[in-house]
Amino acid sequence: MPTQGNGKLTRQMGTSNLRMMAPKERTNNEPIIKTDVKENFEVLEDPEPVVEERKCDNNFIHELERKMEEKSREDEQKRREIEEENNKFLLPRATSEVMSICSEPQSEFSTVSAAYDDDDCDKISVASSTFTTVRASFSSFHFDRNHKEEKEAKRTASIKKKADKEERDNAMFTSEEYFHDIYKYMTDREMRHRASSKHMAKQVEINDDMRAILIDWFHDVIKEYNLQKETFHLAVSLVDRVMTFLHVDKVQFQLVGTTALMIASKYEEIFPPEIDEFAIITDNTYRVSDILRMERYLLGQLKFVVSSPTTAWFGECFSKRMVFSQRMHKSLDYLVDLSLLEIDFLNYRPSHIAAASCCFANLQADMEAWPKKMQEDTGIKTDDFVHILEELHRLYISASTSDNKSIYTKYCEIEEREVALIPAPTKKLVELFPATFGPRRQLTEL
């Protein structure tokens, strides 16, 4: 705007440039942007999602609960039958504790049902978690139902393994190429790892009778769990070796024995019993933790030298060399098992005890007492074990009246060929060894 001389602003009159640039008027009334307008149109919209309300029908839960109760009653009946069978054992096995898992699913199911409320959480999640619990519970029932079948399968595999082992043993013991080296090695080990025959004199609370009771109990356990005779002999050997350097009190004596039996079964068996079983056979006098603690201590004291040649090993070796019949094998097993009861046999070498037992079995079967071939192969003469024969004979004829009859009872069974009932070869012993079995003693033949 121009200013006047007096300094006031004056409005300039004239035509605005904007007006000069205004567009010309259109001759028609057509819109600038053409749009097609439909009189009738349809609006398509996505339908609202229909949420189906899932109702948690608990009928299937009640049905599963009913099945669980029926299954629980069946398992209770089975437990009662098993307990009746186990009552025949020396120490009753707490089967109800082993099978207690069968009663857990029902209480677990009740806990889940009571813990959740429909007002607090979604019904579907409750039903899902409940069904998962019930399904897990039925899995445990399935395991218990098939436990017997699995046990039979293990026994079948064990029998097959045992047959293969016997075949390998036959090849080893009858091989002229390897026998002498093996025998020399084992006789050397039997001297290095022998238990002291004087160890019982060092014990304050333990005596010979308590040791015999423990070994008799060992035999019951071995028979109950169908373990091998090598396990039996190795367990007794471990106990005697431990008591050579360890003072054992009366309370811990069975714990030492149970632990030794567990170590021996781990070493010898293909399928050793579970560790819980070793606590059960003591009537839960000792816990699993007690057994494991004692195991660590004993292995440390033994410097982890578990294996040692036993009378059973040498007896097996000699019987294979002399080709014993099955009944002669049973007689030999009976004699070497009986020798474990008497602590006086620790004064003799295991190989000599086995040789005396083989001689005793040969005389019972009207065979040559101790063949010359065996004398050459083993270097053992009859003079080396004649006093052992005397002890075996005394033990043999008094077994039926002994306080510890577990071994005698077993070998009176038909499965063991009733070898414990075979008369002792008293007359033959008197003829062969008159200085030992002569007029010094009046022997009665059974």
Protein backbone atom coordinates (compact mmCIF):
# COMPACT_ATOMS: atom_id res chain seq x y z
CA MET A 1 0.00 0.00 0.00
CA PRO A 2 1.36 3.49 -0.85
CA THR A 3 1.66 6.13 1.80
CA GLN A 4 0.70 9.74 1.64
CA GLY A 5 2.83 12.61 2.58
CA ASN A 6 1.23 12.85 5.99
CA GLY A 7 2.25 9.27 6.70
CA LYS A 8 -1.23 7.66 6.50
CA LEU A 9 -1.94 4.50 4.67
CA THR A 10 -4.38 4.75 1.79
CA ARG A 11 -6.23 1.77 0.11
CA GLN A 12 -5.38 1.45 -3.54
CA MET A 13 -8.42 1.04 -5.64
CA GLY A 14 -8.33 -1.14 -8.72
CA THR A 15 -8.86 -4.68 -10.01
CA SER A 16 -7.29 -7.58 -8.08
CA ASN A 17 -4.92 -9.82 -9.91
CA LEU A 18 -6.85 -12.78 -8.52
CA ARG A 19 -9.94 -11.74 -10.33
CA MET A 20 -8.07 -11.51 -13.58
CA MET A 21 -6.90 -15.14 -13.10
CA ALA A 22 -10.33 -16.53 -12.28
CA PRO A 23 -11.36 -19.44 -14.56
CA LYS A 24 -14.03 -18.95 -17.12
CA GLU A 25 -17.45 -20.18 -16.30
CA ARG A 26 -18.38 -23.59 -17.76
CA THR A 27 -21.10 -23.65 -20.24
CA ASN A 28 -22.52 -26.92 -18.89
CA ASN A 29 -23.04 -28.22 -15.40
CA GLU A 30 -20.93 -31.36 -15.70
CA PRO A 31 -18.90 -32.20 -12.54
CA ILE A 32 -15.22 -32.19 -12.66
CA ILE A 33 -14.93 -35.75 -11.35
CA LYS A 34 -17.38 -38.16 -12.78
CA THR A 35 -18.63 -40.94 -10.52
CA ASP A 36 -20.93 -43.80 -11.36
CA VAL A 37 -23.67 -43.91 -8.84
CA LYS A 38 -25.81 -47.00 -8.57
CA GLU A 39 -29.19 -46.66 -7.20
CA ASN A 40 -29.28 -50.23 -5.80
CA PHE A 41 -26.15 -51.67 -4.21
CA GLU A 42 -25.35 -54.42 -1.70
CA VAL A 43 -22.95 -54.03 1.17
CA LEU A 44 -20.97 -57.23 1.91
CA GLU A 45 -19.67 -57.51 5.41
CA ASP A 46 -17.73 -60.32 7.16
CA PRO A 47 -19.97 -62.15 9.54
CA GLU A 48 -19.14 -61.92 13.19
CA PRO A 49 -17.24 -65.01 14.42
CA VAL A 50 -19.53 -67.37 16.18
CA VAL A 51 -17.90 -68.50 19.38
CA GLU A 52 -19.07 -71.95 20.24
CA GLU A 53 -19.34 -72.33 23.90
CA ARG A 54 -17.52 -75.60 24.71
CA LYS A 55 -19.01 -77.22 27.65
CA CYS A 56 -16.84 -79.44 29.72
CA ASP A 57 -18.75 -82.61 30.08
CA ASN A 58 -17.35 -84.43 33.08
CA ASN A 59 -19.06 -87.68 32.24
CA PHE A 60 -15.85 -89.13 30.80
CA ILE A 61 -14.01 -88.14 33.99
CA HIS A 62 -16.51 -90.02 36.10
CA GLU A 63 -16.22 -92.98 33.77
CA LEU A 64 -12.44 -92.98 34.07
CA GLU A 65 -12.70 -92.66 37.82
CA ARG A 66 -15.00 -95.68 37.91
CA LYS A 67 -12.52 -97.69 35.81
CA MET A 68 -9.71 -96.64 38.13
CA GLU A 69 -11.64 -97.87 41.16
CA GLU A 70 -12.24 -101.23 39.47
CA LYS A 71 -8.58 -101.46 38.53
CA SER A 72 -7.59 -100.57 42.09
CA ARG A 73 -9.72 -103.40 43.45
CA GLU A 74 -8.14 -105.86 41.00
CA ASP A 75 -4.63 -104.75 41.96
CA GLU A 76 -5.51 -105.03 45.64
CA GLN A 77 -6.52 -108.63 45.06
CA LYS A 78 -3.24 -109.28 43.21
CA ARG A 79 -1.26 -107.72 46.07
CA ARG A 80 -2.95 -109.99 48.56
CA GLU A 81 -2.07 -113.05 46.49
CA ILE A 82 1.56 -111.92 46.20
CA GLU A 83 1.75 -111.24 49.95
CA GLU A 84 0.46 -114.76 50.67
CA GLU A 85 3.22 -116.21 48.49
CA ASN A 86 5.90 -114.03 50.06
CA ASN A 87 4.84 -115.06 53.57
CA LYS A 88 6.59 -118.34 52.88
CA PHE A 89 9.90 -116.50 52.70
CA LEU A 90 12.19 -116.16 55.75
CA LEU A 91 11.71 -112.41 55.96
CA PRO A 92 8.33 -111.26 54.59
CA ARG A 93 8.73 -108.84 51.75
CA ALA A 94 6.73 -105.66 52.08
CA THR A 95 4.93 -106.05 48.80
CA SER A 96 2.41 -103.36 49.72
CA GLU A 97 5.23 -100.82 49.78
CA VAL A 98 6.57 -101.94 46.42
CA MET A 99 3.11 -101.78 44.87
CA SER A 100 2.07 -98.58 46.67
CA ILE A 101 2.27 -96.69 43.41
CA CYS A 102 -0.98 -98.39 42.38
CA SER A 103 -2.89 -96.48 45.05
CA GLU A 104 -1.39 -93.08 44.19
CA PRO A 105 -3.30 -92.28 40.96
CA GLN A 106 -6.71 -92.26 42.66
CA SER A 107 -5.64 -89.77 45.34
CA GLU A 108 -3.90 -87.70 42.70
CA PHE A 109 -7.09 -87.62 40.68
CA SER A 110 -9.07 -86.48 43.72
CA THR A 111 -6.54 -83.73 44.39
CA VAL A 112 -6.86 -82.35 40.88
CA SER A 113 -10.68 -82.45 40.99
CA ALA A 114 -10.85 -80.64 44.32
CA ALA A 115 -8.17 -78.08 43.57
CA TYR A 116 -9.91 -76.44 40.62
CA ASP A 117 -13.22 -74.57 40.54
CA ASP A 118 -15.24 -73.62 37.45
CA ASP A 119 -15.57 -70.07 38.71
CA ASP A 120 -11.83 -69.56 39.00
CA CYS A 121 -10.51 -70.98 35.76
CA ASP A 122 -11.60 -72.23 32.40
CA LYS A 123 -13.43 -75.56 32.41
CA ILE A 124 -11.62 -76.81 29.35
CA SER A 125 -8.19 -76.39 30.88
CA VAL A 126 -9.36 -78.18 34.02
CA ALA A 127 -10.71 -81.08 32.00
CA SER A 128 -7.52 -81.26 29.97
CA SER A 129 -5.25 -81.31 33.02
CA THR A 130 -7.50 -83.83 34.75
CA PHE A 131 -7.49 -86.13 31.76
CA THR A 132 -3.70 -85.89 31.56
CA THR A 133 -3.45 -86.96 35.19
CA VAL A 134 -5.84 -89.85 34.67
CA ARG A 135 -3.96 -90.96 31.56
CA ALA A 136 -0.67 -90.89 33.48
CA SER A 137 -2.31 -92.91 36.21
CA PHE A 138 -3.45 -95.57 33.78
CA SER A 139 0.08 -95.73 32.42
CA SER A 140 1.31 -96.78 35.84
CA PHE A 141 -1.42 -99.40 36.01
CA HIS A 142 -0.34 -100.68 32.62
CA PHE A 143 3.22 -101.01 33.92
CA ASP A 144 2.09 -102.98 36.96
CA ARG A 145 -0.03 -105.26 34.83
CA ASN A 146 2.87 -106.05 32.54
CA HIS A 147 5.45 -106.30 35.33
CA LYS A 148 5.05 -110.05 35.50
CA GLU A 149 5.50 -110.41 31.73
CA GLU A 150 8.65 -108.28 31.83
CA LYS A 151 10.01 -110.38 34.69
CA GLU A 152 9.38 -113.56 32.70
CA ALA A 153 11.10 -112.04 29.68
CA LYS A 154 14.13 -111.22 31.82
CA ARG A 155 14.22 -114.74 33.16
CA THR A 156 14.06 -116.16 29.65
CA ALA A 157 16.92 -113.92 28.56
CA SER A 158 18.83 -114.92 31.69
CA ILE A 159 18.39 -118.62 30.92
CA LYS A 160 19.67 -118.07 27.39
CA LYS A 161 22.65 -116.09 28.67
CA LYS A 162 23.34 -118.79 31.23
CA ALA A 163 23.33 -121.47 28.52
CA ASP A 164 25.77 -119.42 26.46
CA LYS A 165 27.95 -118.94 29.54
CA GLU A 166 28.01 -122.67 30.23
CA GLU A 167 29.07 -123.32 26.67
CA ARG A 168 31.91 -120.83 26.96
CA ASP A 169 32.91 -122.29 30.33
CA ASN A 170 33.04 -125.76 28.85
CA ALA A 171 35.31 -124.53 26.09
CA MET A 172 37.52 -122.69 28.60
CA PHE A 173 37.82 -125.44 31.21
CA THR A 174 38.35 -128.26 28.71
CA SER A 175 40.85 -126.38 26.56
CA GLU A 176 44.31 -127.84 26.96
CA GLU A 177 45.81 -124.70 25.47
CA TYR A 178 44.43 -122.22 28.02
CA PHE A 179 43.52 -124.28 31.09
CA HIS A 180 46.95 -124.34 32.74
CA ASP A 181 47.46 -120.58 32.41
CA ILE A 182 43.98 -119.86 33.75
CA TYR A 183 44.37 -122.27 36.64
CA LYS A 184 47.76 -120.86 37.60
CA TYR A 185 46.38 -117.32 37.59
CA MET A 186 43.38 -118.27 39.75
CA THR A 187 45.43 -120.21 42.31
CA ASP A 188 47.69 -117.20 42.65
CA ARG A 189 44.69 -114.92 43.28
CA GLU A 190 43.14 -117.26 45.83
CA MET A 191 46.23 -116.85 48.02
CA ARG A 192 46.39 -113.07 47.65
CA HIS A 193 42.72 -112.42 48.46
CA ARG A 194 41.97 -115.07 51.05
CA ALA A 195 40.06 -114.14 54.17
CA SER A 196 41.77 -114.71 57.48
CA SER A 197 40.62 -117.79 59.36
CA LYS A 198 41.23 -115.95 62.65
CA HIS A 199 39.07 -112.92 61.95
CA MET A 200 36.20 -114.11 64.14
CA ALA A 201 38.47 -114.05 67.19
CA LYS A 202 38.87 -110.29 66.71
CA GLN A 203 35.12 -109.66 66.76
CA VAL A 204 33.55 -108.68 70.06
CA GLU A 205 29.81 -108.97 69.36
CA ILE A 206 29.84 -111.46 66.45
CA ASN A 207 30.41 -115.19 66.78
CA ASP A 208 30.45 -118.29 64.57
CA ASP A 209 26.76 -119.03 65.06
CA MET A 210 25.74 -115.55 63.94
CA ARG A 211 27.87 -115.95 60.84
CA ALA A 212 26.18 -119.29 60.06
CA ILE A 213 22.74 -117.70 60.48
CA LEU A 214 23.69 -114.90 58.08
CA ILE A 215 24.92 -117.38 55.45
CA ASP A 216 21.77 -119.48 55.86
CA TRP A 217 19.74 -116.29 55.29
CA PHE A 218 21.89 -115.55 52.23
CA HIS A 219 20.88 -118.88 50.79
CA ASP A 220 17.18 -118.10 51.30
CA VAL A 221 17.59 -114.82 49.44
CA ILE A 222 19.53 -116.50 46.63
CA LYS A 223 16.77 -119.05 46.22
CA GLU A 224 13.98 -116.48 46.42
CA TYR A 225 15.46 -114.27 43.70
CA ASN A 226 16.81 -117.15 41.60
CA LEU A 227 20.40 -115.91 41.76
CA GLN A 228 23.48 -117.90 40.81
CA LYS A 229 25.62 -119.92 43.18
CA GLU A 230 28.64 -117.75 42.27
CA THR A 231 26.74 -114.78 43.74
CA PHE A 232 26.20 -116.75 46.95
CA HIS A 233 29.85 -117.72 47.34
CA LEU A 234 31.18 -114.29 46.40
CA ALA A 235 28.90 -112.61 48.96
CA VAL A 236 30.18 -114.90 51.73
CA SER A 237 33.75 -114.28 50.61
CA LEU A 238 33.21 -110.51 50.77
CA VAL A 239 31.78 -110.74 54.29
CA ASP A 240 34.75 -112.77 55.52
CA ARG A 241 37.24 -110.44 53.86
CA VAL A 242 35.55 -107.38 55.35
CA MET A 243 35.50 -108.86 58.82
CA THR A 244 39.23 -109.48 58.54
CA PHE A 245 39.93 -105.74 58.93
CA LEU A 246 36.63 -104.36 60.26
CA HIS A 247 35.13 -104.71 63.73
CA VAL A 248 31.40 -105.18 63.18
CA ASP A 249 28.83 -104.78 65.92
CA LYS A 250 25.66 -106.81 66.17
CA VAL A 251 23.40 -104.03 64.85
CA GLN A 252 25.42 -103.46 61.68
CA PHE A 253 26.17 -107.12 60.91
CA GLN A 254 23.13 -107.68 58.71
CA LEU A 255 23.76 -104.36 56.96
CA VAL A 256 27.29 -105.49 56.07
CA GLY A 257 25.92 -108.80 54.83
CA THR A 258 23.15 -107.21 52.77
CA THR A 259 25.59 -104.79 51.17
CA ALA A 260 28.01 -107.61 50.37
CA LEU A 261 25.18 -109.55 48.75
CA MET A 262 24.22 -106.52 46.65
CA ILE A 263 27.81 -106.02 45.48
CA ALA A 264 28.11 -109.70 44.59
CA SER A 265 24.85 -109.66 42.63
CA LYS A 266 25.99 -106.59 40.68
CA TYR A 267 29.21 -108.39 39.83
CA GLU A 268 27.81 -111.82 38.90
CA GLU A 269 24.20 -111.40 37.79
CA ILE A 270 22.92 -110.37 34.39
CA PHE A 271 19.78 -108.86 35.94
CA PRO A 272 20.55 -108.11 39.61
CA PRO A 273 17.66 -107.20 41.93
CA GLU A 274 16.76 -103.54 42.32
CA ILE A 275 18.34 -101.78 45.26
CA ASP A 276 14.92 -101.34 46.88
CA GLU A 277 14.67 -105.12 47.08
CA PHE A 278 17.71 -105.28 49.33
CA ALA A 279 16.02 -102.93 51.77
CA ILE A 280 12.84 -105.02 51.62
CA ILE A 281 14.58 -108.32 52.39
CA THR A 282 15.77 -106.81 55.67
CA ASP A 283 12.14 -106.01 56.49
CA ASN A 284 13.09 -102.34 55.99
CA THR A 285 15.43 -102.47 58.96
CA TYR A 286 17.89 -100.53 56.82
CA ARG A 287 17.12 -97.82 54.30
CA VAL A 288 18.44 -97.61 50.77
CA SER A 289 20.66 -94.71 51.80
CA ASP A 290 22.20 -96.87 54.55
CA ILE A 291 23.01 -99.63 52.06
CA LEU A 292 24.53 -97.20 49.55
CA ARG A 293 26.66 -95.58 52.26
CA MET A 294 27.92 -98.97 53.41
CA GLU A 295 28.62 -99.96 49.81
CA ARG A 296 30.89 -96.95 49.31
CA TYR A 297 32.72 -97.72 52.53
CA LEU A 298 33.24 -101.43 51.83
CA LEU A 299 34.41 -100.90 48.25
CA GLY A 300 36.86 -98.30 49.48
CA GLN A 301 38.23 -100.67 52.11
CA LEU A 302 38.49 -103.46 49.55
CA LYS A 303 40.12 -101.05 47.08
CA PHE A 304 37.45 -102.14 44.60
CA VAL A 305 38.94 -105.64 44.37
CA VAL A 306 35.64 -107.53 44.41
CA SER A 307 36.38 -110.74 42.57
CA SER A 308 38.27 -113.54 44.24
CA PRO A 309 38.39 -117.24 43.31
CA THR A 310 35.76 -119.15 45.26
CA THR A 311 35.18 -122.81 45.98
CA ALA A 312 32.28 -122.74 43.53
CA TRP A 313 34.57 -121.59 40.69
CA PHE A 314 37.16 -124.31 41.31
CA GLY A 315 34.43 -126.92 41.71
CA GLU A 316 32.95 -125.94 38.36
CA CYS A 317 36.38 -126.08 36.78
CA PHE A 318 37.20 -129.56 38.13
CA SER A 319 33.76 -131.00 37.32
CA LYS A 320 34.04 -129.85 33.71
CA ARG A 321 37.44 -131.49 33.43
CA MET A 322 36.10 -134.77 34.81
CA VAL A 323 32.83 -134.57 32.83
CA PHE A 324 30.42 -134.90 35.73
CA SER A 325 26.85 -136.03 35.20
CA GLN A 326 24.03 -133.70 36.18
CA ARG A 327 23.42 -135.51 39.45
CA MET A 328 27.11 -135.40 40.31
CA HIS A 329 27.05 -131.66 39.59
CA LYS A 330 24.20 -131.27 42.07
CA SER A 331 26.08 -133.26 44.70
CA LEU A 332 29.13 -131.08 44.19
CA ASP A 333 27.07 -127.90 44.53
CA TYR A 334 25.54 -129.22 47.74
CA LEU A 335 28.94 -129.97 49.28
CA VAL A 336 30.54 -126.64 48.40
CA ASP A 337 27.48 -124.78 49.73
CA LEU A 338 27.62 -126.71 53.00
CA SER A 339 31.28 -125.80 53.41
CA LEU A 340 30.34 -122.13 53.68
CA LEU A 341 28.48 -122.66 56.94
CA GLU A 342 31.56 -123.77 58.87
CA ILE A 343 34.15 -121.10 59.58
CA ASP A 344 36.82 -123.79 60.00
CA PHE A 345 36.90 -124.22 56.22
CA LEU A 346 38.62 -120.83 55.97
CA ASN A 347 41.75 -122.68 57.08
CA TYR A 348 41.87 -124.40 53.69
CA ARG A 349 42.31 -123.16 50.16
CA PRO A 350 39.17 -122.92 48.03
CA SER A 351 40.82 -125.11 45.38
CA HIS A 352 41.49 -127.86 47.93
CA ILE A 353 37.92 -127.70 49.26
CA ALA A 354 36.65 -128.05 45.69
CA ALA A 355 38.95 -131.03 45.08
CA ALA A 356 37.71 -132.74 48.25
CA SER A 357 34.09 -132.10 47.24
CA CYS A 358 34.73 -133.60 43.80
CA CYS A 359 36.32 -136.64 45.42
CA PHE A 360 33.29 -137.04 47.71
CA ALA A 361 30.88 -136.82 44.75
CA ASN A 362 32.95 -139.34 42.76
CA LEU A 363 32.75 -141.86 45.59
CA GLN A 364 28.99 -141.41 45.83
CA ALA A 365 28.71 -142.19 42.10
CA ASP A 366 31.09 -145.21 42.31
CA MET A 367 33.73 -143.35 40.30
CA GLU A 368 37.46 -143.04 40.86
CA ALA A 369 38.03 -140.79 43.85
CA TRP A 370 40.64 -138.44 42.41
CA PRO A 371 41.90 -139.43 38.94
CA LYS A 372 45.57 -139.29 38.13
CA LYS A 373 44.81 -136.90 35.28
CA MET A 374 43.44 -134.37 37.76
CA GLN A 375 46.49 -134.73 39.96
CA GLU A 376 48.67 -133.87 37.00
CA ASP A 377 46.53 -130.96 35.84
CA THR A 378 46.02 -129.34 39.25
CA GLY A 379 49.01 -130.50 41.25
CA ILE A 380 46.67 -131.44 44.11
CA LYS A 381 47.16 -134.82 45.79
CA THR A 382 44.70 -136.65 47.99
CA ASP A 383 46.94 -136.02 50.98
CA ASP A 384 46.33 -132.30 50.47
CA PHE A 385 42.60 -132.56 51.14
CA VAL A 386 42.12 -135.70 53.23
CA HIS A 387 41.37 -133.63 56.36
CA ILE A 388 38.90 -131.57 54.36
CA LEU A 389 37.17 -134.81 53.39
CA GLU A 390 36.84 -135.62 57.07
CA GLU A 391 35.21 -132.24 57.79
CA LEU A 392 32.91 -132.59 54.77
CA HIS A 393 31.81 -136.02 55.87
CA ARG A 394 30.98 -134.78 59.36
CA LEU A 395 29.08 -131.83 57.94
CA TYR A 396 27.25 -134.04 55.45
CA ILE A 397 25.88 -136.52 57.96
CA SER A 398 24.82 -133.81 60.44
CA ALA A 399 23.13 -131.49 57.94
CA SER A 400 19.66 -132.93 58.56
CA THR A 401 19.86 -132.11 62.27
CA SER A 402 21.55 -128.74 61.93
CA ASP A 403 19.87 -125.53 63.09
CA ASN A 404 20.50 -123.96 59.67
CA LYS A 405 18.68 -126.20 57.21
CA SER A 406 18.13 -123.89 54.26
CA ILE A 407 20.80 -125.53 52.11
CA TYR A 408 19.81 -129.05 53.16
CA THR A 409 16.11 -128.36 52.44
CA LYS A 410 16.85 -127.06 48.97
CA TYR A 411 18.91 -130.07 47.92
CA CYS A 412 16.19 -132.42 49.15
CA GLU A 413 13.91 -131.16 46.39
CA ILE A 414 13.23 -133.10 43.22
CA GLU A 415 14.60 -130.25 41.08
CA GLU A 416 17.96 -130.74 42.79
CA ARG A 417 17.82 -134.53 42.24
CA GLU A 418 17.40 -135.04 46.03
CA VAL A 419 21.16 -135.26 46.38
CA ALA A 420 21.00 -134.37 50.07
CA LEU A 421 19.30 -137.72 50.67
CA ILE A 422 22.06 -139.78 49.03
CA PRO A 423 23.93 -141.85 51.66
CA ALA A 424 27.43 -140.74 52.55
CA PRO A 425 30.18 -142.99 51.11
CA THR A 426 31.47 -143.89 54.58
CA LYS A 427 32.76 -147.37 53.79
CA LYS A 428 34.66 -146.21 50.74
CA LEU A 429 36.26 -143.43 52.71
CA VAL A 430 37.35 -145.87 55.38
CA GLU A 431 38.87 -148.15 52.74
CA LEU A 432 40.73 -145.34 50.95
CA PHE A 433 41.81 -143.36 54.02
CA PRO A 434 41.96 -145.75 56.99
CA ALA A 435 44.26 -143.44 58.95
CA THR A 436 41.69 -140.67 58.88
CA PHE A 437 38.37 -142.54 58.81
CA GLY A 438 39.54 -145.64 60.67
CA PRO A 439 39.03 -146.72 64.29
CA ARG A 440 39.51 -143.21 65.63
CA ARG A 441 35.87 -142.48 65.00
CA GLN A 442 32.80 -144.60 64.78
CA LEU A 443 31.00 -143.36 61.65
CA THR A 444 27.44 -144.17 60.86
CA GLU A 445 26.38 -144.44 57.24
CA LEU A 446 23.15 -142.73 56.32
